[in-house]
């Protein structure tokens, strides 16, 4: 494959990894907020449920991002391994 395709695939992979890292940070923040909300003396049930939905959504998006990274790693492997 042409080196340009390899370079483009590596760039996509790097962006996908950065996105995944951002989502991991976001999930960590979501879960920390949730733990803090639950620990309050008088927890706000509606706010906790909303935060639980946010954390679940972030988890699903993170799973998709992880699949994307895996697919792009395979693509980079296929495109770039034979190049000097």
PDB file of N, CA and C in Angstrom:
ATOM      1  N   UNK A   1       0.844  -1.190   0.000  1.00  0.00           N
ATOM      2  CA  UNK A   1       0.000   0.000   0.000  1.00  0.00           C
ATOM      3  C   UNK A   1       0.884   1.247   0.000  1.00  0.00           C
ATOM      4  N   UNK A   2       0.352   2.299  -0.569  1.00  0.00           N
ATOM      5  CA  UNK A   2       1.121   3.544  -0.569  1.00  0.00           C
ATOM      6  C   UNK A   2       1.346   4.066   0.847  1.00  0.00           C
ATOM      7  N   UNK A   3       2.501   4.678   1.069  1.00  0.00           N
ATOM      8  CA  UNK A   3       2.799   5.220   2.408  1.00  0.00           C
ATOM      9  C   UNK A   3       1.784   6.269   2.864  1.00  0.00           C
ATOM     10  N   UNK A   4       1.146   6.950   1.918  1.00  0.00           N
ATOM     11  CA  UNK A   4       0.155   7.977   2.288  1.00  0.00           C
ATOM     12  C   UNK A   4      -1.038   7.358   3.012  1.00  0.00           C
ATOM     13  N   UNK A   5      -1.472   6.193   2.534  1.00  0.00           N
ATOM     14  CA  UNK A   5      -2.600   5.513   3.181  1.00  0.00           C
ATOM     15  C   UNK A   5      -2.210   5.045   4.578  1.00  0.00           C
ATOM     16  N   UNK A   6      -0.997   4.584   4.715  1.00  0.00           N
ATOM     17  CA  UNK A   6      -0.503   4.155   6.018  1.00  0.00           C
ATOM     18  C   UNK A   6      -0.480   5.340   6.977  1.00  0.00           C
ATOM     19  N   UNK A   7       0.049   6.443   6.496  1.00  0.00           N
ATOM     20  CA  UNK A   7       0.146   7.652   7.328  1.00  0.00           C
ATOM     21  C   UNK A   7      -1.243   8.143   7.739  1.00  0.00           C
ATOM     22  N   UNK A   8      -2.177   8.131   6.804  1.00  0.00           N
ATOM     23  CA  UNK A   8      -3.547   8.570   7.105  1.00  0.00           C
ATOM     24  C   UNK A   8      -4.204   7.632   8.127  1.00  0.00           C
ATOM     25  N   UNK A   9      -3.981   6.335   7.986  1.00  0.00           N
ATOM     26  CA  UNK A   9      -4.559   5.369   8.929  1.00  0.00           C
ATOM     27  C   UNK A   9      -3.965   5.556  10.320  1.00  0.00           C
ATOM     28  N   UNK A  10      -2.656   5.805  10.383  1.00  0.00           N
ATOM     29  CA  UNK A  10      -2.030   6.040  11.692  1.00  0.00           C
ATOM     30  C   UNK A  10      -2.572   7.301  12.355  1.00  0.00           C
ATOM     31  N   UNK A  11      -2.814   8.337  11.555  1.00  0.00           N
ATOM     32  CA  UNK A  11      -3.371   9.585  12.096  1.00  0.00           C
ATOM     33  C   UNK A  11      -4.778   9.347  12.636  1.00  0.00           C
ATOM     34  N   UNK A  12      -5.587   8.587  11.887  1.00  0.00           N
ATOM     35  CA  UNK A  12      -6.945   8.265  12.361  1.00  0.00           C
ATOM     36  C   UNK A  12      -6.880   7.472  13.665  1.00  0.00           C
ATOM     37  N   UNK A  13      -5.952   6.533  13.723  1.00  0.00           N
ATOM     38  CA  UNK A  13      -5.799   5.720  14.922  1.00  0.00           C
ATOM     39  C   UNK A  13      -5.421   6.601  16.114  1.00  0.00           C
ATOM     40  N   UNK A  14      -4.525   7.526  15.913  1.00  0.00           N
ATOM     41  CA  UNK A  14      -4.109   8.408  17.010  1.00  0.00           C
ATOM     42  C   UNK A  14      -5.285   9.259  17.497  1.00  0.00           C
ATOM     43  N   UNK A  15      -6.074   9.786  16.565  1.00  0.00           N
ATOM     44  CA  UNK A  15      -7.245  10.587  16.952  1.00  0.00           C
ATOM     45  C   UNK A  15      -8.253   9.724  17.721  1.00  0.00           C
ATOM     46  N   UNK A  16      -8.440   8.486  17.268  1.00  0.00           N
ATOM     47  CA  UNK A  16      -9.376   7.584  17.948  1.00  0.00           C
ATOM     48  C   UNK A  16      -8.887   7.262  19.361  1.00  0.00           C
ATOM     49  N   UNK A  17      -7.581   7.073  19.522  1.00  0.00           N
ATOM     50  CA  UNK A  17      -7.027   6.805  20.855  1.00  0.00           C
ATOM     51  C   UNK A  17      -7.206   8.016  21.763  1.00  0.00           C
ATOM     52  N   UNK A  18      -7.008   9.213  21.219  1.00  0.00           N
ATOM     53  CA  UNK A  18      -7.203  10.425  22.022  1.00  0.00           C
ATOM     54  C   UNK A  18      -8.659  10.572  22.439  1.00  0.00           C
ATOM     55  N   UNK A  19      -9.562  10.260  21.516  1.00  0.00           N
ATOM     56  CA  UNK A  19     -10.994  10.328  21.835  1.00  0.00           C
ATOM     57  C   UNK A  19     -11.333   9.325  22.936  1.00  0.00           C
ATOM     58  N   UNK A  20     -10.787   8.133  22.821  1.00  0.00           N
ATOM     59  CA  UNK A  20     -11.027   7.101  23.841  1.00  0.00           C
ATOM     60  C   UNK A  20     -10.513   7.575  25.199  1.00  0.00           C
ATOM     61  N   UNK A  21      -9.342   8.173  25.235  1.00  0.00           N
ATOM     62  CA  UNK A  21      -8.786   8.685  26.497  1.00  0.00           C
ATOM     63  C   UNK A  21      -9.684   9.762  27.086  1.00  0.00           C
ATOM     64  N   UNK A  22     -10.194  10.647  26.234  1.00  0.00           N
ATOM     65  CA  UNK A  22     -11.114  11.683  26.709  1.00  0.00           C
ATOM     66  C   UNK A  22     -12.376  11.081  27.302  1.00  0.00           C
ATOM     67  N   UNK A  23     -12.889  10.038  26.662  1.00  0.00           N
ATOM     68  CA  UNK A  23     -14.082   9.369  27.173  1.00  0.00           C
ATOM     69  C   UNK A  23     -13.805   8.652  28.486  1.00  0.00           C
ATOM     70  N   UNK A  24     -12.619   8.080  28.625  1.00  0.00           N
ATOM     71  CA  UNK A  24     -12.249   7.449  29.894  1.00  0.00           C
ATOM     72  C   UNK A  24     -12.221   8.483  31.020  1.00  0.00           C
ATOM     73  N   UNK A  25     -11.651   9.642  30.733  1.00  0.00           N
ATOM     74  CA  UNK A  25     -11.633  10.715  31.741  1.00  0.00           C
ATOM     75  C   UNK A  25     -13.054  11.150  32.083  1.00  0.00           C
ATOM     76  N   UNK A  26     -13.898  11.291  31.043  1.00  0.00           N
ATOM     77  CA  UNK A  26     -15.281  11.710  31.260  1.00  0.00           C
ATOM     78  C   UNK A  26     -16.031  10.691  32.111  1.00  0.00           C
ATOM     79  N   UNK A  27     -15.832   9.403  31.836  1.00  0.00           N
ATOM     80  CA  UNK A  27     -16.493   8.365  32.612  1.00  0.00           C
ATOM     81  C   UNK A  27     -16.023   8.390  34.063  1.00  0.00           C
ATOM     82  N   UNK A  28     -14.739   8.590  34.270  1.00  0.00           N
ATOM     83  CA  UNK A  28     -14.198   8.679  35.629  1.00  0.00           C
ATOM     84  C   UNK A  28     -14.847   9.851  36.376  1.00  0.00           C
ATOM     85  N   UNK A  29     -14.977  10.983  35.692  1.00  0.00           N
ATOM     86  CA  UNK A  29     -15.631  12.147  36.310  1.00  0.00           C
ATOM     87  C   UNK A  29     -17.101  11.864  36.596  1.00  0.00           C
ATOM     88  N   UNK A  30     -17.797  11.240  35.646  1.00  0.00           N
ATOM     89  CA  UNK A  30     -19.213  10.903  35.842  1.00  0.00           C
ATOM     90  C   UNK A  30     -19.390  10.004  37.066  1.00  0.00           C
ATOM     91  N   UNK A  31     -18.539   8.991  37.181  1.00  0.00           N
ATOM     92  CA  UNK A  31     -18.656   8.062  38.297  1.00  0.00           C
ATOM     93  C   UNK A  31     -18.280   8.711  39.624  1.00  0.00           C
ATOM     94  N   UNK A  32     -17.317   9.623  39.601  1.00  0.00           N
ATOM     95  CA  UNK A  32     -16.950  10.341  40.830  1.00  0.00           C
ATOM     96  C   UNK A  32     -18.101  11.235  41.285  1.00  0.00           C
ATOM     97  N   UNK A  33     -18.732  11.913  40.332  1.00  0.00           N
ATOM     98  CA  UNK A  33     -19.896  12.755  40.661  1.00  0.00           C
ATOM     99  C   UNK A  33     -21.002  11.912  41.262  1.00  0.00           C
ATOM    100  N   UNK A  34     -21.230  10.758  40.654  1.00  0.00           N
ATOM    101  CA  UNK A  34     -22.285   9.863  41.124  1.00  0.00           C
ATOM    102  C   UNK A  34     -22.001   9.391  42.548  1.00  0.00           C
ATOM    103  N   UNK A  35     -20.781   9.021  42.819  1.00  0.00           N
ATOM    104  CA  UNK A  35     -20.410   8.579  44.169  1.00  0.00           C
ATOM    105  C   UNK A  35     -20.609   9.714  45.178  1.00  0.00           C
ATOM    106  N   UNK A  36     -20.231  10.922  44.782  1.00  0.00           N
ATOM    107  CA  UNK A  36     -20.392  12.076  45.666  1.00  0.00           C
ATOM    108  C   UNK A  36     -21.878  12.332  45.934  1.00  0.00           C
ATOM    109  N   UNK A  37     -22.690  12.239  44.895  1.00  0.00           N
ATOM    110  CA  UNK A  37     -24.130  12.481  45.058  1.00  0.00           C
ATOM    111  C   UNK A  37     -24.756  11.446  45.988  1.00  0.00           C
ATOM    112  N   UNK A  38     -24.347  10.201  45.839  1.00  0.00           N
ATOM    113  CA  UNK A  38     -24.904   9.132  46.671  1.00  0.00           C
ATOM    114  C   UNK A  38     -24.473   9.265  48.131  1.00  0.00           C
ATOM    115  N   UNK A  39     -23.315   9.858  48.358  1.00  0.00           N
ATOM    116  CA  UNK A  39     -22.777   9.974  49.714  1.00  0.00           C
ATOM    117  C   UNK A  39     -23.381  11.134  50.497  1.00  0.00           C
ATOM    118  N   UNK A  40     -24.138  11.987  49.837  1.00  0.00           N
ATOM    119  CA  UNK A  40     -24.724  13.131  50.539  1.00  0.00           C
ATOM    120  C   UNK A  40     -25.750  12.668  51.573  1.00  0.00           C
ATOM    121  N   UNK A  41     -25.926  13.497  52.616  1.00  0.00           N
ATOM    122  CA  UNK A  41     -26.863  13.164  53.693  1.00  0.00           C
ATOM    123  C   UNK A  41     -28.288  12.983  53.167  1.00  0.00           C
ATOM    124  N   UNK A  42     -28.685  13.847  52.245  1.00  0.00           N
ATOM    125  CA  UNK A  42     -30.024  13.766  51.653  1.00  0.00           C
ATOM    126  C   UNK A  42     -29.873  13.729  50.133  1.00  0.00           C
ATOM    127  N   UNK A  43     -29.580  12.550  49.605  1.00  0.00           N
ATOM    128  CA  UNK A  43     -29.333  12.459  48.159  1.00  0.00           C
ATOM    129  C   UNK A  43     -30.564  12.827  47.329  1.00  0.00           C
ATOM    130  N   UNK A  44     -30.329  13.520  46.238  1.00  0.00           N
ATOM    131  CA  UNK A  44     -31.377  13.911  45.298  1.00  0.00           C
ATOM    132  C   UNK A  44     -31.556  12.755  44.307  1.00  0.00           C
ATOM    133  N   UNK A  45     -32.620  11.994  44.484  1.00  0.00           N
ATOM    134  CA  UNK A  45     -32.849  10.790  43.687  1.00  0.00           C
ATOM    135  C   UNK A  45     -32.911  11.092  42.191  1.00  0.00           C
ATOM    136  N   UNK A  46     -33.596  12.160  41.823  1.00  0.00           N
ATOM    137  CA  UNK A  46     -33.721  12.499  40.402  1.00  0.00           C
ATOM    138  C   UNK A  46     -32.350  12.847  39.814  1.00  0.00           C
ATOM    139  N   UNK A  47     -31.550  13.585  40.560  1.00  0.00           N
ATOM    140  CA  UNK A  47     -30.216  13.953  40.079  1.00  0.00           C
ATOM    141  C   UNK A  47     -29.321  12.714  39.964  1.00  0.00           C
ATOM    142  N   UNK A  48     -29.451  11.803  40.900  1.00  0.00           N
ATOM    143  CA  UNK A  48     -28.667  10.567  40.851  1.00  0.00           C
ATOM    144  C   UNK A  48     -29.061   9.738  39.627  1.00  0.00           C
ATOM    145  N   UNK A  49     -30.355   9.631  39.385  1.00  0.00           N
ATOM    146  CA  UNK A  49     -30.809   8.872  38.217  1.00  0.00           C
ATOM    147  C   UNK A  49     -30.315   9.508  36.922  1.00  0.00           C
ATOM    148  N   UNK A  50     -30.334  10.822  36.849  1.00  0.00           N
ATOM    149  CA  UNK A  50     -29.835  11.518  35.655  1.00  0.00           C
ATOM    150  C   UNK A  50     -28.334  11.265  35.488  1.00  0.00           C
ATOM    151  N   UNK A  51     -27.588  11.319  36.576  1.00  0.00           N
ATOM    152  CA  UNK A  51     -26.147  11.070  36.510  1.00  0.00           C
ATOM    153  C   UNK A  51     -25.857   9.625  36.140  1.00  0.00           C
ATOM    154  N   UNK A  52     -26.676   8.692  36.616  1.00  0.00           N
ATOM    155  CA  UNK A  52     -26.518   7.290  36.238  1.00  0.00           C
ATOM    156  C   UNK A  52     -26.722   7.111  34.738  1.00  0.00           C
ATOM    157  N   UNK A  53     -27.713   7.824  34.174  1.00  0.00           N
ATOM    158  CA  UNK A  53     -27.949   7.754  32.734  1.00  0.00           C
ATOM    159  C   UNK A  53     -26.764   8.341  31.964  1.00  0.00           C
ATOM    160  N   UNK A  54     -26.196   9.436  32.471  1.00  0.00           N
ATOM    161  CA  UNK A  54     -25.026  10.042  31.820  1.00  0.00           C
ATOM    162  C   UNK A  54     -23.850   9.064  31.826  1.00  0.00           C
ATOM    163  N   UNK A  55     -23.617   8.413  32.959  1.00  0.00           N
ATOM    164  CA  UNK A  55     -22.515   7.460  33.064  1.00  0.00           C
ATOM    165  C   UNK A  55     -22.744   6.270  32.130  1.00  0.00           C
ATOM    166  N   UNK A  56     -23.979   5.795  32.048  1.00  0.00           N
ATOM    167  CA  UNK A  56     -24.293   4.667  31.161  1.00  0.00           C
ATOM    168  C   UNK A  56     -24.085   5.054  29.699  1.00  0.00           C
ATOM    169  N   UNK A  57     -24.488   6.260  29.345  1.00  0.00           N
ATOM    170  CA  UNK A  57     -24.290   6.741  27.981  1.00  0.00           C
ATOM    171  C   UNK A  57     -22.796   6.855  27.659  1.00  0.00           C
ATOM    172  N   UNK A  58     -22.042   7.403  28.575  1.00  0.00           N
ATOM    173  CA  UNK A  58     -20.601   7.530  28.374  1.00  0.00           C
ATOM    174  C   UNK A  58     -19.968   6.150  28.222  1.00  0.00           C
ATOM    175  N   UNK A  59     -20.419   5.176  29.015  1.00  0.00           N
ATOM    176  CA  UNK A  59     -19.902   3.806  28.896  1.00  0.00           C
ATOM    177  C   UNK A  59     -20.160   3.228  27.509  1.00  0.00           C
ATOM    178  N   UNK A  60     -21.379   3.444  27.002  1.00  0.00           N
ATOM    179  CA  UNK A  60     -21.719   2.912  25.665  1.00  0.00           C
ATOM    180  C   UNK A  60     -20.876   3.584  24.580  1.00  0.00           C
ATOM    181  N   UNK A  61     -20.696   4.889  24.676  1.00  0.00           N
ATOM    182  CA  UNK A  61     -19.883   5.607  23.689  1.00  0.00           C
ATOM    183  C   UNK A  61     -18.430   5.139  23.790  1.00  0.00           C
ATOM    184  N   UNK A  62     -17.956   4.913  25.002  1.00  0.00           N
ATOM    185  CA  UNK A  62     -16.594   4.424  25.209  1.00  0.00           C
ATOM    186  C   UNK A  62     -16.413   3.034  24.583  1.00  0.00           C
ATOM    187  N   UNK A  63     -17.400   2.167  24.732  1.00  0.00           N
ATOM    188  CA  UNK A  63     -17.321   0.835  24.112  1.00  0.00           C
ATOM    189  C   UNK A  63     -17.183   0.955  22.596  1.00  0.00           C
ATOM    190  N   UNK A  64     -17.946   1.862  22.006  1.00  0.00           N
ATOM    191  CA  UNK A  64     -17.860   2.085  20.565  1.00  0.00           C
ATOM    192  C   UNK A  64     -16.485   2.618  20.188  1.00  0.00           C
ATOM    193  N   UNK A  65     -15.963   3.532  20.994  1.00  0.00           N
ATOM    194  CA  UNK A  65     -14.635   4.087  20.725  1.00  0.00           C
ATOM    195  C   UNK A  65     -13.566   3.003  20.827  1.00  0.00           C
ATOM    196  N   UNK A  66     -13.715   2.093  21.772  1.00  0.00           N
ATOM    197  CA  UNK A  66     -12.750   0.994  21.911  1.00  0.00           C
ATOM    198  C   UNK A  66     -12.795   0.071  20.696  1.00  0.00           C
ATOM    199  N   UNK A  67     -13.994  -0.176  20.179  1.00  0.00           N
ATOM    200  CA  UNK A  67     -14.121  -0.992  18.971  1.00  0.00           C
ATOM    201  C   UNK A  67     -13.471  -0.292  17.785  1.00  0.00           C
ATOM    202  N   UNK A  68     -13.662   1.032  17.703  1.00  0.00           N
ATOM    203  CA  UNK A  68     -13.059   1.800  16.616  1.00  0.00           C
ATOM    204  C   UNK A  68     -11.533   1.725  16.681  1.00  0.00           C
ATOM    205  N   UNK A  69     -10.980   1.866  17.879  1.00  0.00           N
ATOM    206  CA  UNK A  69      -9.529   1.771  18.036  1.00  0.00           C
ATOM    207  C   UNK A  69      -9.047   0.395  17.587  1.00  0.00           C
ATOM    208  N   UNK A  70      -9.734  -0.655  17.991  1.00  0.00           N
ATOM    209  CA  UNK A  70      -9.348  -2.000  17.588  1.00  0.00           C
ATOM    210  C   UNK A  70      -9.374  -2.182  16.078  1.00  0.00           C
ATOM    211  N   UNK A  71     -10.419  -1.690  15.439  1.00  0.00           N
ATOM    212  CA  UNK A  71     -10.520  -1.798  13.981  1.00  0.00           C
ATOM    213  C   UNK A  71      -9.414  -1.014  13.293  1.00  0.00           C
ATOM    214  N   UNK A  72      -9.134   0.172  13.801  1.00  0.00           N
ATOM    215  CA  UNK A  72      -8.083   0.991  13.191  1.00  0.00           C
ATOM    216  C   UNK A  72      -6.705   0.386  13.414  1.00  0.00           C
ATOM    217  N   UNK A  73      -6.502  -0.257  14.555  1.00  0.00           N
ATOM    218  CA  UNK A  73      -5.226  -0.940  14.776  1.00  0.00           C
ATOM    219  C   UNK A  73      -5.031  -2.051  13.745  1.00  0.00           C
ATOM    220  N   UNK A  74      -6.100  -2.779  13.461  1.00  0.00           N
ATOM    221  CA  UNK A  74      -6.029  -3.823  12.438  1.00  0.00           C
ATOM    222  C   UNK A  74      -5.738  -3.219  11.064  1.00  0.00           C
ATOM    223  N   UNK A  75      -6.377  -2.091  10.759  1.00  0.00           N
ATOM    224  CA  UNK A  75      -6.157  -1.422   9.480  1.00  0.00           C
ATOM    225  C   UNK A  75      -4.711  -0.960   9.352  1.00  0.00           C
ATOM    226  N   UNK A  76      -4.187  -0.341  10.406  1.00  0.00           N
ATOM    227  CA  UNK A  76      -2.801   0.114  10.383  1.00  0.00           C
ATOM    228  C   UNK A  76      -1.873  -1.080  10.190  1.00  0.00           C
ATOM    229  N   UNK A  77      -2.153  -2.148  10.876  1.00  0.00           N
ATOM    230  CA  UNK A  77      -1.349  -3.368  10.735  1.00  0.00           C
ATOM    231  C   UNK A  77      -1.371  -3.842   9.280  1.00  0.00           C
ATOM    232  N   UNK A  78      -2.544  -3.882   8.683  1.00  0.00           N
ATOM    233  CA  UNK A  78      -2.674  -4.362   7.305  1.00  0.00           C
ATOM    234  C   UNK A  78      -2.000  -3.427   6.300  1.00  0.00           C
ATOM    235  N   UNK A  79      -2.130  -2.121   6.523  1.00  0.00           N
ATOM    236  CA  UNK A  79      -1.579  -1.160   5.568  1.00  0.00           C
ATOM    237  C   UNK A  79      -0.093  -0.899   5.727  1.00  0.00           C
ATOM    238  N   UNK A  80       0.404  -0.999   6.937  1.00  0.00           N
ATOM    239  CA  UNK A  80       1.744  -0.484   7.221  1.00  0.00           C
ATOM    240  C   UNK A  80       2.803  -1.547   7.447  1.00  0.00           C
ATOM    241  N   UNK A  81       2.438  -2.773   7.732  1.00  0.00           N
ATOM    242  CA  UNK A  81       3.439  -3.776   8.095  1.00  0.00           C
ATOM    243  C   UNK A  81       4.420  -4.105   6.974  1.00  0.00           C
ATOM    244  N   UNK A  82       3.962  -4.006   5.736  1.00  0.00           N
ATOM    245  CA  UNK A  82       4.842  -4.353   4.616  1.00  0.00           C
ATOM    246  C   UNK A  82       5.706  -3.195   4.149  1.00  0.00           C
ATOM    247  N   UNK A  83       5.482  -2.007   4.723  1.00  0.00           N
ATOM    248  CA  UNK A  83       6.261  -0.833   4.297  1.00  0.00           C
ATOM    249  C   UNK A  83       7.612  -0.826   4.988  1.00  0.00           C
ATOM    250  N   UNK A  84       8.598  -0.272   4.311  1.00  0.00           N
ATOM    251  CA  UNK A  84       9.940  -0.188   4.936  1.00  0.00           C
ATOM    252  C   UNK A  84       9.961   0.750   6.119  1.00  0.00           C
TER     253      UNK A  84
END
